[in-house]
Amino acid sequence: MVTTLVHLGAVFLHVAPANPVSQRYSRQVDAWVYPFFEQNWRLFAPNPDSLNRRVWARTAHSGPDGSTRVSPWTDLTALDLAAVEHDPFPSHTAQNLLRRAWTSYVDTHGVDDTARSPRAVMMQKYLSNIAADRVAGHRGGTFEFIQLRVVTEPVAATGMVAGRRPPTPVENRLLPWWKVTPHGK
């Protein structure tokens, strides 16, 4: 009973407008609320993306003679869209895993693709693992390296007339080659 009252009080102070009590106990309230009980209004007023991102991947395989074979680009975003398009109950993971991994990567690396913290290294590994698993599942083959390219474009305006020029890319980002756990045999 006491725990329930403490929980309700902490959540109330978290979502209520700033006041002397919530300001005085903000550290304790935040320690209780984050990360498990965070409150936000995204369910009712989501903040939709204003950009479309397409993630492409290609792989490289080193042959026994020292030669390197580079695969053609695979559109990972198109694979995700195809996986959920005709599914009446698409998985939240299938829809958002790659997009969220990319967003977390950008948040931890900035524009120069340099990892400056253990979390940044973890996010790079996470993104490369997702991409490698998607490529291996789609195309198969053997590879030890993966490279990503992310093309970012503004969301087209509603009612865009067919035949008009598509939006100009905002960013075309080519990431360095990453070593991955060897895929395929």
C-alpha atoms as a PDB file:
ATOM      1  CA  MET A   1       0.000   0.000   0.000  1.00  0.00           C
ATOM      2  CA  VAL A   2       2.775   2.435   0.927  1.00  0.00           C
ATOM      3  CA  THR A   3       4.717   1.527  -2.228  1.00  0.00           C
ATOM      4  CA  THR A   4       1.640   2.199  -4.341  1.00  0.00           C
ATOM      5  CA  LEU A   5       1.164   5.629  -2.752  1.00  0.00           C
ATOM      6  CA  VAL A   6       4.854   6.490  -3.220  1.00  0.00           C
ATOM      7  CA  HIS A   7       4.672   5.376  -6.856  1.00  0.00           C
ATOM      8  CA  LEU A   8       1.524   7.402  -7.574  1.00  0.00           C
ATOM      9  CA  GLY A   9       3.003  10.446  -5.845  1.00  0.00           C
ATOM     10  CA  ALA A  10       6.266  10.212  -7.782  1.00  0.00           C
ATOM     11  CA  VAL A  11       4.500   9.786 -11.120  1.00  0.00           C
ATOM     12  CA  PHE A  12       2.164  12.665 -10.300  1.00  0.00           C
ATOM     13  CA  LEU A  13       5.104  14.939  -9.490  1.00  0.00           C
ATOM     14  CA  HIS A  14       6.810  13.819 -12.693  1.00  0.00           C
ATOM     15  CA  VAL A  15       3.904  14.677 -15.012  1.00  0.00           C
ATOM     16  CA  ALA A  16       2.583  17.717 -13.117  1.00  0.00           C
ATOM     17  CA  PRO A  17       3.675  21.229 -14.099  1.00  0.00           C
ATOM     18  CA  ALA A  18       6.786  22.453 -12.321  1.00  0.00           C
ATOM     19  CA  ASN A  19       6.084  23.457  -8.731  1.00  0.00           C
ATOM     20  CA  PRO A  20       8.132  23.871  -5.544  1.00  0.00           C
ATOM     21  CA  VAL A  21       7.556  20.273  -4.418  1.00  0.00           C
ATOM     22  CA  SER A  22       8.421  18.685  -7.784  1.00  0.00           C
ATOM     23  CA  GLN A  23      11.504  20.896  -8.068  1.00  0.00           C
ATOM     24  CA  ARG A  24      12.701  20.064  -4.569  1.00  0.00           C
ATOM     25  CA  TYR A  25      12.351  16.302  -5.068  1.00  0.00           C
ATOM     26  CA  SER A  26      13.158  16.169  -8.802  1.00  0.00           C
ATOM     27  CA  ARG A  27      16.269  14.010  -8.308  1.00  0.00           C
ATOM     28  CA  GLN A  28      14.382  11.403  -6.262  1.00  0.00           C
ATOM     29  CA  VAL A  29      11.367  11.483  -8.588  1.00  0.00           C
ATOM     30  CA  ASP A  30      13.558  11.032 -11.689  1.00  0.00           C
ATOM     31  CA  ALA A  31      15.423   8.156 -10.021  1.00  0.00           C
ATOM     32  CA  TRP A  32      12.088   6.422  -9.424  1.00  0.00           C
ATOM     33  CA  VAL A  33      10.453   7.180 -12.768  1.00  0.00           C
ATOM     34  CA  TYR A  34      13.331   6.581 -15.212  1.00  0.00           C
ATOM     35  CA  PRO A  35      13.677   4.329 -17.130  1.00  0.00           C
ATOM     36  CA  PHE A  36      10.731   2.073 -16.278  1.00  0.00           C
ATOM     37  CA  PHE A  37       7.845   4.470 -15.683  1.00  0.00           C
ATOM     38  CA  GLU A  38       8.646   7.350 -18.017  1.00  0.00           C
ATOM     39  CA  GLN A  39       5.573   9.282 -19.064  1.00  0.00           C
ATOM     40  CA  ASN A  40       5.152  10.927 -22.450  1.00  0.00           C
ATOM     41  CA  TRP A  41       2.346  11.789 -24.831  1.00  0.00           C
ATOM     42  CA  ARG A  42       3.657  10.133 -27.991  1.00  0.00           C
ATOM     43  CA  LEU A  43       0.713   7.748 -28.105  1.00  0.00           C
ATOM     44  CA  PHE A  44      -1.702  10.660 -28.468  1.00  0.00           C
ATOM     45  CA  ALA A  45       0.472  13.251 -30.181  1.00  0.00           C
ATOM     46  CA  PRO A  46       3.357  11.496 -31.911  1.00  0.00           C
ATOM     47  CA  ASN A  47       6.212  13.452 -33.354  1.00  0.00           C
ATOM     48  CA  PRO A  48       6.373  12.000 -36.868  1.00  0.00           C
ATOM     49  CA  ASP A  49       9.625  11.904 -38.784  1.00  0.00           C
ATOM     50  CA  SER A  50       9.997  14.706 -41.283  1.00  0.00           C
ATOM     51  CA  LEU A  51      12.695  12.759 -43.121  1.00  0.00           C
ATOM     52  CA  ASN A  52      12.755   9.426 -44.919  1.00  0.00           C
ATOM     53  CA  ARG A  53      15.899   7.394 -44.477  1.00  0.00           C
ATOM     54  CA  ARG A  54      16.890   4.514 -46.717  1.00  0.00           C
ATOM     55  CA  VAL A  55      19.624   2.265 -45.400  1.00  0.00           C
ATOM     56  CA  TRP A  56      21.662   0.343 -47.950  1.00  0.00           C
ATOM     57  CA  ALA A  57      24.334  -2.267 -47.222  1.00  0.00           C
ATOM     58  CA  ARG A  58      27.033  -4.021 -49.169  1.00  0.00           C
ATOM     59  CA  THR A  59      29.410  -6.711 -48.045  1.00  0.00           C
ATOM     60  CA  ALA A  60      32.975  -7.731 -48.739  1.00  0.00           C
ATOM     61  CA  HIS A  61      34.615 -11.128 -48.651  1.00  0.00           C
ATOM     62  CA  SER A  62      38.335 -11.797 -48.683  1.00  0.00           C
ATOM     63  CA  GLY A  63      39.274 -14.777 -50.815  1.00  0.00           C
ATOM     64  CA  PRO A  64      42.085 -17.218 -50.024  1.00  0.00           C
ATOM     65  CA  ASP A  65      44.218 -15.598 -52.724  1.00  0.00           C
ATOM     66  CA  GLY A  66      43.970 -12.184 -51.009  1.00  0.00           C
ATOM     67  CA  SER A  67      41.410 -10.789 -53.445  1.00  0.00           C
ATOM     68  CA  THR A  68      38.357  -8.967 -52.135  1.00  0.00           C
ATOM     69  CA  ARG A  69      34.859  -9.352 -53.565  1.00  0.00           C
ATOM     70  CA  VAL A  70      32.393  -6.550 -52.944  1.00  0.00           C
ATOM     71  CA  SER A  71      28.678  -7.256 -53.298  1.00  0.00           C
ATOM     72  CA  PRO A  72      26.132  -4.935 -54.887  1.00  0.00           C
ATOM     73  CA  TRP A  73      24.119  -2.668 -52.584  1.00  0.00           C
ATOM     74  CA  THR A  74      21.082  -4.180 -50.811  1.00  0.00           C
ATOM     75  CA  ASP A  75      18.227  -1.846 -49.817  1.00  0.00           C
ATOM     76  CA  LEU A  76      17.568  -2.865 -46.197  1.00  0.00           C
ATOM     77  CA  THR A  77      14.744  -0.350 -45.837  1.00  0.00           C
ATOM     78  CA  ALA A  78      12.916  -1.917 -48.792  1.00  0.00           C
ATOM     79  CA  LEU A  79      13.300  -5.341 -47.162  1.00  0.00           C
ATOM     80  CA  ASP A  80      11.744  -3.987 -43.944  1.00  0.00           C
ATOM     81  CA  LEU A  81       8.866  -2.372 -45.830  1.00  0.00           C
ATOM     82  CA  ALA A  82       8.207  -5.562 -47.811  1.00  0.00           C
ATOM     83  CA  ALA A  83       8.170  -7.604 -44.591  1.00  0.00           C
ATOM     84  CA  VAL A  84       5.355  -5.524 -43.072  1.00  0.00           C
ATOM     85  CA  GLU A  85       3.416  -4.458 -46.170  1.00  0.00           C
ATOM     86  CA  HIS A  86       0.982  -7.363 -46.392  1.00  0.00           C
ATOM     87  CA  ASP A  87       1.174  -8.471 -42.775  1.00  0.00           C
ATOM     88  CA  PRO A  88      -2.073  -7.642 -40.954  1.00  0.00           C
ATOM     89  CA  PHE A  89      -0.207  -7.674 -37.619  1.00  0.00           C
ATOM     90  CA  PRO A  90       3.331  -6.490 -38.388  1.00  0.00           C
ATOM     91  CA  SER A  91       5.897  -6.682 -35.652  1.00  0.00           C
ATOM     92  CA  HIS A  92       6.957  -3.426 -34.055  1.00  0.00           C
ATOM     93  CA  THR A  93      10.508  -4.773 -34.257  1.00  0.00           C
ATOM     94  CA  ALA A  94      10.280  -5.359 -38.003  1.00  0.00           C
ATOM     95  CA  GLN A  95       9.064  -1.816 -38.508  1.00  0.00           C
ATOM     96  CA  ASN A  96      11.458   0.074 -36.270  1.00  0.00           C
ATOM     97  CA  LEU A  97      14.596  -1.915 -35.412  1.00  0.00           C
ATOM     98  CA  LEU A  98      16.811  -0.617 -38.209  1.00  0.00           C
ATOM     99  CA  ARG A  99      15.460   2.941 -38.015  1.00  0.00           C
ATOM    100  CA  ARG A 100      15.963   3.142 -34.247  1.00  0.00           C
ATOM    101  CA  ALA A 101      19.441   1.608 -34.492  1.00  0.00           C
ATOM    102  CA  TRP A 102      20.392   4.267 -37.054  1.00  0.00           C
ATOM    103  CA  THR A 103      18.999   7.082 -34.901  1.00  0.00           C
ATOM    104  CA  SER A 104      20.944   5.813 -31.880  1.00  0.00           C
ATOM    105  CA  TYR A 105      24.091   5.517 -33.986  1.00  0.00           C
ATOM    106  CA  VAL A 106      23.788   9.137 -35.158  1.00  0.00           C
ATOM    107  CA  ASP A 107      23.101  10.315 -31.603  1.00  0.00           C
ATOM    108  CA  THR A 108      26.313   8.675 -30.332  1.00  0.00           C
ATOM    109  CA  HIS A 109      28.633   9.301 -33.301  1.00  0.00           C
ATOM    110  CA  GLY A 110      27.740  12.656 -34.807  1.00  0.00           C
ATOM    111  CA  VAL A 111      28.698  13.411 -38.397  1.00  0.00           C
ATOM    112  CA  ASP A 112      32.277  12.127 -38.345  1.00  0.00           C
ATOM    113  CA  ASP A 113      31.451   8.466 -37.506  1.00  0.00           C
ATOM    114  CA  THR A 114      33.908   8.411 -34.611  1.00  0.00           C
ATOM    115  CA  ALA A 115      32.936   6.475 -31.485  1.00  0.00           C
ATOM    116  CA  ARG A 116      33.771   8.547 -28.424  1.00  0.00           C
ATOM    117  CA  SER A 117      32.274   6.375 -25.701  1.00  0.00           C
ATOM    118  CA  PRO A 118      31.613   2.728 -24.883  1.00  0.00           C
ATOM    119  CA  ARG A 119      27.931   3.333 -25.705  1.00  0.00           C
ATOM    120  CA  ALA A 120      28.915   4.613 -29.165  1.00  0.00           C
ATOM    121  CA  VAL A 121      30.971   1.467 -29.795  1.00  0.00           C
ATOM    122  CA  MET A 122      28.013  -0.650 -28.651  1.00  0.00           C
ATOM    123  CA  MET A 123      25.614   1.217 -30.986  1.00  0.00           C
ATOM    124  CA  GLN A 124      27.991   0.765 -33.922  1.00  0.00           C
ATOM    125  CA  LYS A 125      28.188  -2.976 -33.232  1.00  0.00           C
ATOM    126  CA  TYR A 126      24.399  -3.151 -32.824  1.00  0.00           C
ATOM    127  CA  LEU A 127      23.796  -1.412 -36.163  1.00  0.00           C
ATOM    128  CA  SER A 128      26.371  -3.535 -37.987  1.00  0.00           C
ATOM    129  CA  ASN A 129      24.911  -6.747 -36.517  1.00  0.00           C
ATOM    130  CA  ILE A 130      21.388  -5.834 -37.630  1.00  0.00           C
ATOM    131  CA  ALA A 131      22.608  -4.999 -41.136  1.00  0.00           C
ATOM    132  CA  ALA A 132      24.746  -8.151 -41.393  1.00  0.00           C
ATOM    133  CA  ASP A 133      21.877 -10.374 -40.239  1.00  0.00           C
ATOM    134  CA  ARG A 134      19.468  -8.745 -42.708  1.00  0.00           C
ATOM    135  CA  VAL A 135      21.890  -9.124 -45.623  1.00  0.00           C
ATOM    136  CA  ALA A 136      22.730 -12.728 -44.694  1.00  0.00           C
ATOM    137  CA  GLY A 137      19.034 -13.597 -44.394  1.00  0.00           C
ATOM    138  CA  HIS A 138      18.182 -11.994 -47.725  1.00  0.00           C
ATOM    139  CA  ARG A 139      21.104 -12.829 -49.941  1.00  0.00           C
ATOM    140  CA  GLY A 140      23.261 -15.369 -48.168  1.00  0.00           C
ATOM    141  CA  GLY A 141      26.855 -15.816 -49.213  1.00  0.00           C
ATOM    142  CA  THR A 142      30.023 -15.419 -47.215  1.00  0.00           C
ATOM    143  CA  PHE A 143      31.313 -12.069 -45.974  1.00  0.00           C
ATOM    144  CA  GLU A 144      33.422 -10.590 -43.212  1.00  0.00           C
ATOM    145  CA  PHE A 145      32.918  -6.849 -43.787  1.00  0.00           C
ATOM    146  CA  ILE A 146      29.885  -4.637 -44.193  1.00  0.00           C
ATOM    147  CA  GLN A 147      29.436  -1.033 -45.291  1.00  0.00           C
ATOM    148  CA  LEU A 148      26.310   1.074 -44.931  1.00  0.00           C
ATOM    149  CA  ARG A 149      25.039   4.002 -46.957  1.00  0.00           C
ATOM    150  CA  VAL A 150      22.145   6.066 -45.635  1.00  0.00           C
ATOM    151  CA  VAL A 151      20.230   8.373 -47.951  1.00  0.00           C
ATOM    152  CA  THR A 152      18.050  10.930 -46.178  1.00  0.00           C
ATOM    153  CA  GLU A 153      15.298  12.803 -48.005  1.00  0.00           C
ATOM    154  CA  PRO A 154      12.546  15.128 -46.836  1.00  0.00           C
ATOM    155  CA  VAL A 155       9.086  13.592 -46.611  1.00  0.00           C
ATOM    156  CA  ALA A 156       7.155  14.381 -49.790  1.00  0.00           C
ATOM    157  CA  ALA A 157       4.247  16.756 -49.374  1.00  0.00           C
ATOM    158  CA  THR A 158       0.802  15.179 -49.375  1.00  0.00           C
ATOM    159  CA  GLY A 159      -0.926  15.245 -52.724  1.00  0.00           C
ATOM    160  CA  MET A 160       2.351  15.467 -54.636  1.00  0.00           C
ATOM    161  CA  VAL A 161       1.564  15.402 -58.335  1.00  0.00           C
ATOM    162  CA  ALA A 162       2.902  12.388 -60.232  1.00  0.00           C
ATOM    163  CA  GLY A 163       5.738  13.284 -62.545  1.00  0.00           C
ATOM    164  CA  ARG A 164       7.124  16.034 -60.338  1.00  0.00           C
ATOM    165  CA  ARG A 165      10.728  15.745 -59.359  1.00  0.00           C
ATOM    166  CA  PRO A 166      11.347  13.682 -56.230  1.00  0.00           C
ATOM    167  CA  PRO A 167      12.721  15.541 -53.203  1.00  0.00           C
ATOM    168  CA  THR A 168      16.436  16.303 -53.273  1.00  0.00           C
ATOM    169  CA  PRO A 169      18.394  14.187 -50.779  1.00  0.00           C
ATOM    170  CA  VAL A 170      19.302  16.058 -47.632  1.00  0.00           C
ATOM    171  CA  GLU A 171      22.179  13.722 -46.888  1.00  0.00           C
ATOM    172  CA  ASN A 172      23.914  10.804 -48.575  1.00  0.00           C
ATOM    173  CA  ARG A 173      26.138   9.302 -45.900  1.00  0.00           C
ATOM    174  CA  LEU A 174      28.651   6.561 -46.610  1.00  0.00           C
ATOM    175  CA  LEU A 175      29.952   4.809 -43.502  1.00  0.00           C
ATOM    176  CA  PRO A 176      33.341   3.107 -43.252  1.00  0.00           C
ATOM    177  CA  TRP A 177      33.753  -0.642 -43.703  1.00  0.00           C
ATOM    178  CA  TRP A 178      33.143  -2.561 -40.487  1.00  0.00           C
ATOM    179  CA  LYS A 179      34.456  -6.004 -39.658  1.00  0.00           C
ATOM    180  CA  VAL A 180      31.617  -8.345 -38.667  1.00  0.00           C
ATOM    181  CA  THR A 181      31.429 -11.888 -37.444  1.00  0.00           C
ATOM    182  CA  PRO A 182      31.890 -13.991 -40.589  1.00  0.00           C
ATOM    183  CA  HIS A 183      28.495 -14.794 -42.112  1.00  0.00           C
ATOM    184  CA  GLY A 184      27.733 -17.710 -44.388  1.00  0.00           C
ATOM    185  CA  LYS A 185      29.735 -20.789 -45.226  1.00  0.00           C
END
